[in-house]
């Protein structure tokens, strides 16, 4: 069995070990990113925090809206059950 070929990626500089028989990548050693300025990292964390806060607020709003919809559906089902108490609730597996 021939030994794996070492290939350097021209885009990212990663070292790839390629099996010559199958042509598939057997191993990948990614090139480490250079150290960044501390102020840049702090700014990135703050921007990510604001993005996460926005996503959380949207999620809370969606959950509140979903709760209202479920309450309306429940009230409608309760009204229908009170109108005809002898009727069975619909079975989701019936083909009607």
N, C-alpha and C. Protein backbone atom coordinates (compact mmCIF):
# COMPACT_ATOMS: atom_id res chain seq x y z
N UNK A 1 0.84 -1.17 0.00
CA UNK A 1 0.00 0.00 0.00
C UNK A 1 0.89 1.24 0.00
N UNK A 2 0.69 2.13 -0.99
CA UNK A 2 1.52 3.34 -1.04
C UNK A 2 1.18 4.28 0.11
N UNK A 3 2.16 5.08 0.45
CA UNK A 3 1.99 6.00 1.56
C UNK A 3 1.15 7.20 1.13
N UNK A 4 0.50 7.83 2.12
CA UNK A 4 -0.36 8.98 1.85
C UNK A 4 0.48 10.16 1.36
N UNK A 5 -0.11 10.95 0.47
CA UNK A 5 0.57 12.11 -0.09
C UNK A 5 0.29 13.33 0.77
N UNK A 6 1.31 14.16 0.98
CA UNK A 6 1.14 15.41 1.71
C UNK A 6 0.89 16.52 0.71
N UNK A 7 -0.23 17.21 0.86
CA UNK A 7 -0.60 18.30 -0.04
C UNK A 7 -0.94 19.50 0.81
N UNK A 8 -0.46 20.67 0.38
CA UNK A 8 -0.78 21.91 1.08
C UNK A 8 -1.88 22.63 0.31
N UNK A 9 -2.94 23.01 0.99
CA UNK A 9 -4.06 23.71 0.37
C UNK A 9 -3.61 25.13 0.00
N UNK A 10 -3.82 25.53 -1.26
CA UNK A 10 -3.40 26.87 -1.65
C UNK A 10 -4.29 27.98 -1.07
N UNK A 11 -5.50 27.65 -0.68
CA UNK A 11 -6.41 28.68 -0.15
C UNK A 11 -6.15 28.99 1.31
N UNK A 12 -6.15 27.96 2.15
CA UNK A 12 -6.06 28.18 3.60
C UNK A 12 -4.71 27.76 4.18
N UNK A 13 -3.88 27.08 3.41
CA UNK A 13 -2.58 26.67 3.92
C UNK A 13 -2.61 25.43 4.77
N UNK A 14 -3.73 24.70 4.79
CA UNK A 14 -3.84 23.49 5.60
C UNK A 14 -3.05 22.36 4.95
N UNK A 15 -2.54 21.46 5.77
CA UNK A 15 -1.81 20.30 5.29
C UNK A 15 -2.78 19.13 5.17
N UNK A 16 -2.93 18.58 3.97
CA UNK A 16 -3.84 17.48 3.72
C UNK A 16 -3.04 16.22 3.45
N UNK A 17 -3.46 15.12 4.04
CA UNK A 17 -2.88 13.81 3.73
C UNK A 17 -3.91 13.09 2.87
N UNK A 18 -3.52 12.78 1.63
CA UNK A 18 -4.44 12.22 0.65
C UNK A 18 -4.03 10.79 0.33
N UNK A 19 -5.00 9.88 0.34
CA UNK A 19 -4.77 8.49 -0.04
C UNK A 19 -4.64 8.43 -1.56
N UNK A 20 -3.52 7.93 -2.09
CA UNK A 20 -3.33 7.94 -3.55
C UNK A 20 -4.26 6.96 -4.28
N UNK A 21 -4.71 5.92 -3.63
CA UNK A 21 -5.58 4.94 -4.29
C UNK A 21 -7.01 5.46 -4.46
N UNK A 22 -7.55 6.05 -3.40
CA UNK A 22 -8.94 6.49 -3.45
C UNK A 22 -9.07 7.98 -3.75
N UNK A 23 -8.04 8.75 -3.50
CA UNK A 23 -8.10 10.18 -3.71
C UNK A 23 -8.81 10.92 -2.59
N UNK A 24 -9.12 10.24 -1.51
CA UNK A 24 -9.83 10.89 -0.40
C UNK A 24 -8.84 11.45 0.61
N UNK A 25 -9.29 12.48 1.32
CA UNK A 25 -8.47 13.11 2.35
C UNK A 25 -8.53 12.23 3.60
N UNK A 26 -7.35 11.79 4.05
CA UNK A 26 -7.26 10.91 5.21
C UNK A 26 -7.07 11.72 6.48
N UNK A 27 -6.35 12.82 6.40
CA UNK A 27 -6.05 13.62 7.57
C UNK A 27 -5.96 15.07 7.16
N UNK A 28 -6.36 15.97 8.07
CA UNK A 28 -6.33 17.40 7.80
C UNK A 28 -5.73 18.11 8.99
N UNK A 29 -4.66 18.86 8.76
CA UNK A 29 -4.06 19.70 9.79
C UNK A 29 -4.29 21.15 9.39
N UNK A 30 -5.22 21.80 10.09
CA UNK A 30 -5.54 23.19 9.76
C UNK A 30 -4.45 24.11 10.27
N UNK A 31 -4.20 25.14 9.49
CA UNK A 31 -3.22 26.13 9.88
C UNK A 31 -3.84 27.03 10.93
N UNK A 32 -3.12 27.31 12.00
CA UNK A 32 -3.66 28.12 13.08
C UNK A 32 -3.71 29.58 12.65
N UNK A 33 -4.78 30.24 13.05
CA UNK A 33 -4.94 31.65 12.73
C UNK A 33 -3.97 32.47 13.57
N UNK A 34 -3.47 33.55 13.00
CA UNK A 34 -2.54 34.39 13.79
C UNK A 34 -3.28 35.05 14.95
N UNK A 35 -2.52 35.38 15.96
CA UNK A 35 -3.11 36.03 17.14
C UNK A 35 -3.67 37.39 16.74
N UNK A 36 -4.83 37.72 17.30
CA UNK A 36 -5.48 38.98 16.96
C UNK A 36 -5.31 39.98 18.09
N UNK A 37 -5.56 41.21 17.78
CA UNK A 37 -5.47 42.28 18.75
C UNK A 37 -6.58 42.09 19.79
N UNK A 38 -6.28 42.35 21.04
CA UNK A 38 -7.26 42.15 22.13
C UNK A 38 -8.48 43.04 21.94
N UNK A 39 -8.29 44.28 21.50
CA UNK A 39 -9.42 45.19 21.29
C UNK A 39 -10.36 44.66 20.21
N UNK A 40 -9.80 44.07 19.15
CA UNK A 40 -10.63 43.49 18.10
C UNK A 40 -11.46 42.34 18.64
N UNK A 41 -10.85 41.52 19.49
CA UNK A 41 -11.58 40.40 20.07
C UNK A 41 -12.71 40.88 20.99
N UNK A 42 -12.45 41.91 21.76
CA UNK A 42 -13.48 42.46 22.66
C UNK A 42 -14.64 43.02 21.84
N UNK A 43 -14.32 43.76 20.77
CA UNK A 43 -15.36 44.31 19.90
C UNK A 43 -16.18 43.21 19.25
N UNK A 44 -15.54 42.14 18.86
CA UNK A 44 -16.25 41.01 18.25
C UNK A 44 -17.19 40.34 19.26
N UNK A 45 -16.73 40.19 20.49
CA UNK A 45 -17.58 39.60 21.53
C UNK A 45 -18.79 40.49 21.79
N UNK A 46 -18.59 41.81 21.85
CA UNK A 46 -19.71 42.73 22.08
C UNK A 46 -20.70 42.69 20.92
N UNK A 47 -20.20 42.60 19.70
CA UNK A 47 -21.12 42.54 18.55
C UNK A 47 -21.89 41.22 18.55
N UNK A 48 -21.24 40.14 18.94
CA UNK A 48 -21.93 38.85 19.02
C UNK A 48 -22.96 38.87 20.14
N UNK A 49 -22.66 39.56 21.23
CA UNK A 49 -23.59 39.63 22.35
C UNK A 49 -24.86 40.36 21.93
N UNK A 50 -24.72 41.44 21.21
CA UNK A 50 -25.91 42.18 20.77
C UNK A 50 -26.73 41.34 19.79
N UNK A 51 -26.06 40.60 18.94
CA UNK A 51 -26.76 39.73 18.00
C UNK A 51 -27.52 38.63 18.74
N UNK A 52 -26.89 38.05 19.75
CA UNK A 52 -27.54 37.02 20.55
C UNK A 52 -28.72 37.59 21.35
N UNK A 53 -28.58 38.81 21.85
CA UNK A 53 -29.69 39.45 22.56
C UNK A 53 -30.88 39.66 21.64
N UNK A 54 -30.61 40.06 20.40
CA UNK A 54 -31.69 40.25 19.42
C UNK A 54 -32.40 38.93 19.13
N UNK A 55 -31.62 37.88 18.93
CA UNK A 55 -32.20 36.55 18.66
C UNK A 55 -33.04 36.07 19.84
N UNK A 56 -32.55 36.30 21.05
CA UNK A 56 -33.28 35.89 22.23
C UNK A 56 -34.60 36.65 22.35
N UNK A 57 -34.57 37.95 22.08
CA UNK A 57 -35.79 38.76 22.15
C UNK A 57 -36.81 38.28 21.12
N UNK A 58 -36.34 37.94 19.91
CA UNK A 58 -37.26 37.41 18.89
C UNK A 58 -37.85 36.08 19.34
N UNK A 59 -37.04 35.25 19.96
CA UNK A 59 -37.51 33.95 20.43
C UNK A 59 -38.56 34.11 21.52
N UNK A 60 -38.34 35.04 22.44
CA UNK A 60 -39.31 35.29 23.50
C UNK A 60 -40.62 35.79 22.91
N UNK A 61 -40.54 36.72 21.95
CA UNK A 61 -41.74 37.25 21.31
C UNK A 61 -42.50 36.14 20.58
N UNK A 62 -41.78 35.28 19.89
CA UNK A 62 -42.41 34.18 19.16
C UNK A 62 -43.07 33.21 20.14
N UNK A 63 -42.44 32.95 21.27
CA UNK A 63 -43.02 32.06 22.27
C UNK A 63 -44.29 32.65 22.85
N UNK A 64 -44.30 33.95 23.10
CA UNK A 64 -45.51 34.60 23.61
C UNK A 64 -46.64 34.51 22.60
N UNK A 65 -46.32 34.74 21.35
CA UNK A 65 -47.33 34.67 20.29
C UNK A 65 -47.85 33.24 20.16
N UNK A 66 -46.97 32.28 20.26
CA UNK A 66 -47.37 30.87 20.16
C UNK A 66 -48.28 30.50 21.33
N UNK A 67 -48.02 31.04 22.49
CA UNK A 67 -48.85 30.76 23.66
C UNK A 67 -50.27 31.29 23.44
N UNK A 68 -50.38 32.48 22.87
CA UNK A 68 -51.70 33.05 22.58
C UNK A 68 -52.47 32.19 21.59
N UNK A 69 -51.79 31.72 20.56
CA UNK A 69 -52.44 30.88 19.55
C UNK A 69 -52.94 29.58 20.18
N UNK A 70 -52.12 28.95 21.00
CA UNK A 70 -52.53 27.71 21.64
C UNK A 70 -53.71 27.92 22.59
N UNK A 71 -53.72 29.05 23.29
CA UNK A 71 -54.84 29.35 24.18
C UNK A 71 -56.13 29.51 23.39
N UNK A 72 -56.07 30.18 22.24
CA UNK A 72 -57.26 30.36 21.39
C UNK A 72 -57.76 29.01 20.87
N UNK A 73 -56.84 28.15 20.46
CA UNK A 73 -57.24 26.82 19.97
C UNK A 73 -57.89 26.01 21.09
N UNK A 74 -57.33 26.11 22.29
CA UNK A 74 -57.89 25.37 23.41
C UNK A 74 -59.28 25.87 23.75
N UNK A 75 -59.47 27.19 23.76
CA UNK A 75 -60.79 27.75 24.06
C UNK A 75 -61.82 27.32 23.01
N UNK A 76 -61.44 27.30 21.75
CA UNK A 76 -62.35 26.85 20.69
C UNK A 76 -62.72 25.39 20.88
N UNK A 77 -61.75 24.55 21.21
CA UNK A 77 -62.02 23.13 21.43
C UNK A 77 -62.92 22.94 22.65
N UNK A 78 -62.71 23.74 23.68
CA UNK A 78 -63.54 23.64 24.88
C UNK A 78 -64.98 24.06 24.60
N UNK A 79 -65.16 25.09 23.77
CA UNK A 79 -66.51 25.52 23.39
C UNK A 79 -67.23 24.43 22.62
N UNK A 80 -66.51 23.80 21.70
CA UNK A 80 -67.12 22.73 20.90
C UNK A 80 -67.47 21.53 21.78
N UNK A 81 -66.62 21.23 22.75
CA UNK A 81 -66.90 20.10 23.64
C UNK A 81 -68.08 20.42 24.55
N UNK A 82 -68.22 21.65 24.97
CA UNK A 82 -69.34 22.03 25.82
C UNK A 82 -70.65 22.05 25.04
N UNK A 83 -70.59 22.36 23.74
CA UNK A 83 -71.79 22.41 22.91
C UNK A 83 -72.37 21.02 22.69
N UNK A 84 -71.52 20.01 22.54
CA UNK A 84 -71.99 18.64 22.30
C UNK A 84 -71.17 17.69 23.18
N UNK A 85 -71.57 17.50 24.46
CA UNK A 85 -70.75 16.72 25.39
C UNK A 85 -70.75 15.22 25.09
N UNK A 86 -71.69 14.71 24.30
CA UNK A 86 -71.74 13.26 24.04
C UNK A 86 -70.86 12.87 22.85
N UNK A 87 -70.45 13.82 22.06
CA UNK A 87 -69.64 13.53 20.87
C UNK A 87 -68.19 13.24 21.26
N UNK A 88 -67.65 12.22 20.60
CA UNK A 88 -66.25 11.86 20.83
C UNK A 88 -65.33 12.89 20.18
N UNK A 89 -64.19 13.16 20.76
CA UNK A 89 -63.23 14.05 20.09
C UNK A 89 -62.69 13.36 18.84
N UNK A 90 -62.31 14.11 17.82
CA UNK A 90 -61.83 13.49 16.58
C UNK A 90 -60.53 12.74 16.81
N UNK A 91 -60.45 11.59 16.19
CA UNK A 91 -59.25 10.78 16.26
C UNK A 91 -58.34 11.18 15.11
N UNK A 92 -57.10 11.53 15.36
CA UNK A 92 -56.23 11.97 14.27
C UNK A 92 -55.91 10.85 13.28
N UNK A 93 -56.18 9.60 13.65
CA UNK A 93 -55.88 8.50 12.76
C UNK A 93 -57.09 8.08 11.89
N UNK A 94 -58.24 8.72 12.12
CA UNK A 94 -59.41 8.45 11.28
C UNK A 94 -59.24 9.19 9.96
N UNK A 95 -59.68 8.55 8.90
CA UNK A 95 -59.61 9.19 7.57
C UNK A 95 -60.96 9.79 7.25
N UNK A 96 -61.16 10.98 7.68
CA UNK A 96 -62.42 11.67 7.41
C UNK A 96 -62.19 12.81 6.46
